[in-house]
N, C-alpha and C. Protein backbone atom coordinates (compact mmCIF):
# COMPACT_ATOMS: atom_id res chain seq x y z
N GLN A 1 -55.73 28.09 -26.57
CA GLN A 1 -55.15 29.26 -27.22
C GLN A 1 -54.06 28.80 -28.17
N VAL A 2 -54.17 29.22 -29.41
CA VAL A 2 -53.17 28.84 -30.41
C VAL A 2 -51.89 29.64 -30.21
N GLN A 3 -50.79 28.95 -30.21
CA GLN A 3 -49.48 29.60 -30.14
C GLN A 3 -48.59 29.05 -31.23
N VAL A 4 -47.73 29.93 -31.74
CA VAL A 4 -46.81 29.57 -32.80
C VAL A 4 -45.41 30.01 -32.39
N ALA A 5 -44.45 29.12 -32.49
CA ALA A 5 -43.09 29.46 -32.06
C ALA A 5 -42.08 28.96 -33.08
N GLU A 6 -41.21 29.88 -33.53
CA GLU A 6 -40.14 29.52 -34.45
C GLU A 6 -38.84 29.32 -33.68
N SER A 7 -37.97 28.55 -34.27
CA SER A 7 -36.63 28.36 -33.72
C SER A 7 -35.69 27.96 -34.84
N GLY A 8 -34.39 27.98 -34.54
CA GLY A 8 -33.41 27.51 -35.50
C GLY A 8 -32.62 28.59 -36.21
N GLY A 9 -32.96 29.85 -35.96
CA GLY A 9 -32.21 30.92 -36.60
C GLY A 9 -30.80 31.02 -36.05
N GLY A 10 -30.00 31.82 -36.71
CA GLY A 10 -28.63 32.01 -36.26
C GLY A 10 -27.81 32.74 -37.29
N SER A 11 -26.50 32.73 -37.10
CA SER A 11 -25.57 33.38 -38.01
C SER A 11 -24.76 32.34 -38.75
N VAL A 12 -24.69 32.48 -40.06
CA VAL A 12 -23.91 31.55 -40.89
C VAL A 12 -23.16 32.34 -41.94
N GLN A 13 -22.17 31.71 -42.52
CA GLN A 13 -21.43 32.31 -43.62
C GLN A 13 -22.16 32.04 -44.93
N PRO A 14 -21.91 32.85 -45.93
CA PRO A 14 -22.50 32.56 -47.25
C PRO A 14 -22.18 31.15 -47.70
N GLY A 15 -23.19 30.49 -48.25
CA GLY A 15 -23.04 29.10 -48.65
C GLY A 15 -23.43 28.12 -47.58
N GLY A 16 -23.69 28.61 -46.38
CA GLY A 16 -24.05 27.75 -45.27
C GLY A 16 -25.51 27.34 -45.30
N SER A 17 -25.89 26.56 -44.28
CA SER A 17 -27.24 26.03 -44.19
C SER A 17 -27.82 26.25 -42.81
N LEU A 18 -29.13 26.34 -42.77
CA LEU A 18 -29.88 26.40 -41.51
C LEU A 18 -31.20 25.67 -41.70
N ARG A 19 -31.72 25.17 -40.60
CA ARG A 19 -33.04 24.55 -40.62
C ARG A 19 -33.91 25.22 -39.56
N LEU A 20 -34.96 25.88 -40.02
CA LEU A 20 -35.88 26.54 -39.12
C LEU A 20 -37.03 25.60 -38.79
N SER A 21 -37.54 25.74 -37.57
CA SER A 21 -38.68 24.95 -37.13
C SER A 21 -39.79 25.88 -36.66
N CYS A 22 -41.02 25.44 -36.89
CA CYS A 22 -42.20 26.18 -36.43
C CYS A 22 -43.12 25.17 -35.76
N VAL A 23 -43.37 25.38 -34.48
CA VAL A 23 -44.22 24.47 -33.73
C VAL A 23 -45.49 25.21 -33.30
N ALA A 24 -46.63 24.62 -33.60
CA ALA A 24 -47.91 25.19 -33.21
C ALA A 24 -48.53 24.36 -32.11
N SER A 25 -49.20 25.05 -31.19
CA SER A 25 -49.87 24.36 -30.09
C SER A 25 -51.26 24.95 -29.88
N GLY A 26 -52.08 24.21 -29.16
CA GLY A 26 -53.43 24.69 -28.91
C GLY A 26 -54.33 24.62 -30.12
N ILE A 27 -54.02 23.71 -31.04
CA ILE A 27 -54.79 23.60 -32.29
C ILE A 27 -56.12 22.91 -32.02
N PRO A 28 -57.25 23.57 -32.31
CA PRO A 28 -58.55 22.98 -31.98
C PRO A 28 -58.98 21.85 -32.90
N LEU A 29 -58.80 22.03 -34.21
CA LEU A 29 -59.24 21.00 -35.15
C LEU A 29 -58.10 20.55 -36.05
N GLY A 30 -57.50 21.49 -36.74
CA GLY A 30 -56.41 21.15 -37.64
C GLY A 30 -55.79 22.41 -38.23
N ILE A 31 -54.71 22.21 -38.94
CA ILE A 31 -54.00 23.31 -39.58
C ILE A 31 -54.24 23.22 -41.08
N ASN A 32 -54.74 24.30 -41.65
CA ASN A 32 -55.03 24.30 -43.07
C ASN A 32 -53.77 24.47 -43.91
N TYR A 33 -52.89 25.36 -43.49
CA TYR A 33 -51.66 25.58 -44.22
C TYR A 33 -50.59 26.08 -43.25
N MET A 34 -49.35 25.94 -43.64
CA MET A 34 -48.23 26.48 -42.89
C MET A 34 -47.32 27.18 -43.88
N SER A 35 -46.80 28.33 -43.49
CA SER A 35 -45.99 29.11 -44.42
C SER A 35 -44.89 29.84 -43.67
N TRP A 36 -43.93 30.30 -44.44
CA TRP A 36 -42.79 31.06 -43.91
C TRP A 36 -42.69 32.38 -44.66
N TYR A 37 -42.51 33.45 -43.90
CA TYR A 37 -42.28 34.78 -44.42
C TYR A 37 -40.96 35.29 -43.87
N ARG A 38 -40.46 36.36 -44.48
CA ARG A 38 -39.29 37.02 -43.94
C ARG A 38 -39.41 38.52 -44.13
N GLN A 39 -38.70 39.23 -43.25
CA GLN A 39 -38.72 40.68 -43.30
C GLN A 39 -37.36 41.21 -42.89
N SER A 40 -36.84 42.14 -43.69
CA SER A 40 -35.54 42.73 -43.38
C SER A 40 -35.58 44.23 -43.58
N GLY A 41 -34.80 44.96 -42.78
CA GLY A 41 -34.73 46.41 -42.89
C GLY A 41 -36.11 47.03 -42.88
N GLY A 42 -36.32 47.96 -43.79
CA GLY A 42 -37.61 48.62 -43.88
C GLY A 42 -38.51 48.04 -44.93
N LYS A 43 -38.20 46.81 -45.35
CA LYS A 43 -38.98 46.19 -46.42
C LYS A 43 -40.26 45.56 -45.89
N GLU A 44 -41.17 45.31 -46.79
CA GLU A 44 -42.39 44.61 -46.42
C GLU A 44 -42.09 43.13 -46.19
N ARG A 45 -42.92 42.53 -45.37
CA ARG A 45 -42.79 41.10 -45.13
C ARG A 45 -43.13 40.36 -46.42
N GLU A 46 -42.28 39.39 -46.80
CA GLU A 46 -42.51 38.68 -48.04
C GLU A 46 -42.68 37.19 -47.79
N LEU A 47 -43.52 36.57 -48.62
CA LEU A 47 -43.74 35.14 -48.53
C LEU A 47 -42.54 34.41 -49.12
N VAL A 48 -42.01 33.47 -48.36
CA VAL A 48 -40.84 32.70 -48.80
C VAL A 48 -41.27 31.32 -49.29
N ALA A 49 -42.10 30.63 -48.50
CA ALA A 49 -42.52 29.28 -48.86
C ALA A 49 -43.82 28.96 -48.14
N SER A 50 -44.62 28.10 -48.76
CA SER A 50 -45.85 27.70 -48.11
C SER A 50 -46.20 26.28 -48.50
N MET A 51 -46.99 25.64 -47.63
CA MET A 51 -47.47 24.30 -47.90
C MET A 51 -48.94 24.24 -47.54
N SER A 52 -49.76 23.83 -48.50
CA SER A 52 -51.20 23.74 -48.26
C SER A 52 -51.54 22.49 -47.45
N GLY A 53 -52.80 22.40 -47.08
CA GLY A 53 -53.23 21.22 -46.35
C GLY A 53 -53.06 19.94 -47.14
N GLY A 54 -53.13 20.07 -48.45
CA GLY A 54 -52.97 18.91 -49.32
C GLY A 54 -51.53 18.60 -49.65
N GLY A 55 -50.62 19.42 -49.16
CA GLY A 55 -49.20 19.16 -49.38
C GLY A 55 -48.59 19.90 -50.55
N ARG A 56 -49.39 20.73 -51.20
CA ARG A 56 -48.85 21.49 -52.33
C ARG A 56 -47.94 22.59 -51.79
N THR A 57 -46.78 22.76 -52.43
CA THR A 57 -45.81 23.75 -51.98
C THR A 57 -45.63 24.84 -53.02
N SER A 58 -45.23 25.99 -52.54
CA SER A 58 -44.87 27.09 -53.43
C SER A 58 -43.74 27.87 -52.79
N TYR A 59 -42.92 28.50 -53.64
CA TYR A 59 -41.74 29.20 -53.17
C TYR A 59 -41.58 30.52 -53.90
N ALA A 60 -40.96 31.47 -53.21
CA ALA A 60 -40.56 32.70 -53.86
C ALA A 60 -39.46 32.37 -54.86
N ASP A 61 -39.44 33.09 -55.97
CA ASP A 61 -38.43 32.82 -57.01
C ASP A 61 -37.02 32.91 -56.44
N SER A 62 -36.81 33.80 -55.50
CA SER A 62 -35.47 34.05 -54.97
C SER A 62 -34.92 32.88 -54.15
N VAL A 63 -35.78 31.95 -53.74
CA VAL A 63 -35.31 30.85 -52.90
C VAL A 63 -35.50 29.48 -53.55
N LYS A 64 -36.11 29.44 -54.72
CA LYS A 64 -36.35 28.16 -55.39
C LYS A 64 -35.04 27.41 -55.61
N GLY A 65 -35.06 26.13 -55.29
CA GLY A 65 -33.88 25.32 -55.44
C GLY A 65 -32.94 25.37 -54.24
N ARG A 66 -33.18 26.30 -53.32
CA ARG A 66 -32.32 26.42 -52.14
C ARG A 66 -33.08 26.16 -50.84
N PHE A 67 -34.35 26.50 -50.80
CA PHE A 67 -35.16 26.33 -49.60
C PHE A 67 -36.18 25.21 -49.84
N THR A 68 -36.45 24.45 -48.79
CA THR A 68 -37.45 23.39 -48.86
C THR A 68 -38.33 23.45 -47.62
N ILE A 69 -39.63 23.51 -47.84
CA ILE A 69 -40.57 23.49 -46.74
C ILE A 69 -41.11 22.08 -46.57
N SER A 70 -41.26 21.68 -45.33
CA SER A 70 -41.83 20.37 -45.03
C SER A 70 -42.71 20.49 -43.79
N ARG A 71 -43.41 19.40 -43.50
CA ARG A 71 -44.39 19.48 -42.42
C ARG A 71 -44.56 18.13 -41.75
N ASP A 72 -44.66 18.16 -40.44
CA ASP A 72 -45.01 16.98 -39.66
C ASP A 72 -46.41 17.23 -39.10
N ARG A 73 -47.40 16.64 -39.74
CA ARG A 73 -48.79 16.92 -39.38
C ARG A 73 -49.09 16.52 -37.95
N ALA A 74 -48.58 15.37 -37.56
CA ALA A 74 -48.91 14.85 -36.24
C ALA A 74 -48.40 15.76 -35.13
N LYS A 75 -47.29 16.44 -35.38
CA LYS A 75 -46.67 17.30 -34.37
C LYS A 75 -46.95 18.78 -34.62
N HIS A 76 -47.81 19.07 -35.59
CA HIS A 76 -48.15 20.48 -35.91
C HIS A 76 -46.87 21.30 -36.09
N THR A 77 -45.96 20.77 -36.85
CA THR A 77 -44.65 21.39 -37.02
C THR A 77 -44.33 21.57 -38.49
N SER A 78 -43.71 22.69 -38.80
CA SER A 78 -43.21 22.95 -40.14
C SER A 78 -41.72 23.21 -40.06
N PHE A 79 -41.03 22.81 -41.12
CA PHE A 79 -39.59 23.04 -41.20
C PHE A 79 -39.28 23.81 -42.48
N LEU A 80 -38.25 24.64 -42.38
CA LEU A 80 -37.74 25.32 -43.58
C LEU A 80 -36.25 25.03 -43.65
N GLN A 81 -35.90 24.12 -44.56
CA GLN A 81 -34.50 23.79 -44.77
C GLN A 81 -33.92 24.78 -45.76
N MET A 82 -32.86 25.45 -45.37
CA MET A 82 -32.25 26.48 -46.21
C MET A 82 -30.79 26.11 -46.48
N ILE A 83 -30.43 26.02 -47.74
CA ILE A 83 -29.06 25.73 -48.12
C ILE A 83 -28.54 26.84 -49.02
N ASP A 84 -27.22 26.85 -49.20
CA ASP A 84 -26.59 27.85 -50.07
C ASP A 84 -27.08 29.25 -49.72
N LEU A 85 -27.04 29.57 -48.46
CA LEU A 85 -27.55 30.86 -48.00
C LEU A 85 -26.71 32.01 -48.53
N LYS A 86 -27.38 33.11 -48.80
CA LYS A 86 -26.74 34.30 -49.34
C LYS A 86 -26.97 35.49 -48.39
N PRO A 87 -26.13 36.50 -48.47
CA PRO A 87 -26.33 37.66 -47.58
C PRO A 87 -27.72 38.27 -47.71
N GLU A 88 -28.29 38.20 -48.90
CA GLU A 88 -29.64 38.77 -49.08
C GLU A 88 -30.74 37.94 -48.44
N ASP A 89 -30.39 36.77 -47.91
CA ASP A 89 -31.35 35.98 -47.15
C ASP A 89 -31.45 36.45 -45.70
N THR A 90 -30.57 37.35 -45.31
CA THR A 90 -30.61 37.88 -43.96
C THR A 90 -31.94 38.57 -43.68
N ALA A 91 -32.60 38.14 -42.64
CA ALA A 91 -33.94 38.66 -42.31
C ALA A 91 -34.43 38.00 -41.03
N VAL A 92 -35.53 38.52 -40.53
CA VAL A 92 -36.28 37.81 -39.49
C VAL A 92 -37.30 36.93 -40.21
N TYR A 93 -37.29 35.67 -39.88
CA TYR A 93 -38.18 34.70 -40.52
C TYR A 93 -39.36 34.40 -39.60
N PHE A 94 -40.55 34.50 -40.17
CA PHE A 94 -41.77 34.31 -39.42
C PHE A 94 -42.55 33.11 -39.96
N CYS A 95 -43.18 32.40 -39.07
CA CYS A 95 -44.08 31.32 -39.44
C CYS A 95 -45.52 31.83 -39.33
N LYS A 96 -46.30 31.52 -40.33
CA LYS A 96 -47.72 31.87 -40.34
C LYS A 96 -48.52 30.61 -40.63
N ILE A 97 -49.53 30.37 -39.83
CA ILE A 97 -50.34 29.17 -40.05
C ILE A 97 -51.80 29.55 -40.16
N GLY A 98 -52.55 28.74 -40.87
CA GLY A 98 -53.98 28.89 -40.97
C GLY A 98 -54.65 27.77 -40.18
N VAL A 99 -55.44 28.14 -39.19
CA VAL A 99 -56.01 27.15 -38.28
C VAL A 99 -57.51 27.02 -38.50
N ASP A 100 -57.97 25.79 -38.56
CA ASP A 100 -59.38 25.49 -38.73
C ASP A 100 -60.04 25.51 -37.35
N HIS A 101 -60.96 26.48 -37.18
CA HIS A 101 -61.69 26.57 -35.92
C HIS A 101 -63.10 26.01 -36.05
N GLY A 102 -63.39 25.41 -37.20
CA GLY A 102 -64.71 24.84 -37.42
C GLY A 102 -65.68 25.83 -38.04
N VAL A 103 -65.47 27.11 -37.77
CA VAL A 103 -66.33 28.14 -38.34
C VAL A 103 -65.56 28.98 -39.35
N GLY A 104 -64.35 28.55 -39.65
CA GLY A 104 -63.55 29.28 -40.61
C GLY A 104 -62.07 29.17 -40.30
N ASN A 105 -61.26 29.78 -41.17
CA ASN A 105 -59.82 29.76 -41.00
C ASN A 105 -59.36 31.03 -40.29
N TRP A 106 -58.54 30.86 -39.27
CA TRP A 106 -57.93 32.00 -38.61
C TRP A 106 -56.42 31.90 -38.79
N ASP A 107 -55.76 33.01 -39.06
CA ASP A 107 -54.32 33.06 -39.25
C ASP A 107 -53.61 33.44 -37.95
N TYR A 108 -52.46 32.82 -37.73
CA TYR A 108 -51.64 33.10 -36.56
C TYR A 108 -50.19 33.23 -36.99
N TRP A 109 -49.50 34.16 -36.32
CA TRP A 109 -48.09 34.40 -36.60
C TRP A 109 -47.25 34.06 -35.38
N GLY A 110 -46.02 33.61 -35.66
CA GLY A 110 -45.04 33.50 -34.60
C GLY A 110 -44.31 34.82 -34.43
N GLN A 111 -43.39 34.86 -33.49
CA GLN A 111 -42.66 36.11 -33.20
C GLN A 111 -41.40 36.26 -34.03
N GLY A 112 -41.01 35.23 -34.74
CA GLY A 112 -39.89 35.34 -35.65
C GLY A 112 -38.58 34.84 -35.09
N THR A 113 -37.69 34.48 -36.00
CA THR A 113 -36.34 34.06 -35.63
C THR A 113 -35.36 34.71 -36.61
N GLN A 114 -34.27 35.23 -36.08
CA GLN A 114 -33.32 35.99 -36.90
C GLN A 114 -32.37 35.06 -37.63
N VAL A 115 -32.22 35.31 -38.92
CA VAL A 115 -31.22 34.62 -39.74
C VAL A 115 -30.27 35.68 -40.29
N THR A 116 -28.99 35.50 -40.03
CA THR A 116 -27.97 36.44 -40.51
C THR A 116 -26.94 35.67 -41.33
N VAL A 117 -26.75 36.12 -42.56
CA VAL A 117 -25.77 35.49 -43.45
C VAL A 117 -24.69 36.52 -43.76
N SER A 118 -23.51 36.26 -43.25
CA SER A 118 -22.44 37.24 -43.39
C SER A 118 -21.09 36.55 -43.28
N SER A 119 -20.12 37.08 -44.01
CA SER A 119 -18.76 36.56 -43.91
C SER A 119 -17.96 37.37 -42.90
């Protein structure tokens, strides 16, 4: 059974940094992609950063230059390094992965980790 778990959230002041981790387990064949989303208030969940199986990365315009996604393939882990955090970065951050089951890609979500940026 595939499971996804995020960690590393917390409360920081504006300008601070956090590093989020996403660990996947129960992977049958491999992970096609790993990505990070966030959701705050009544807004829709938005894509923050993603990394394809080939290592290609993409970022939301609002976080470019401040957030960096990385991946440890051997440990089925993704990291989201966040610097120069702003109050508008406050949200629940979710990890979403695409898992290769041999017959296709299935998506899995973690339960999220809260990030609060406030003075």
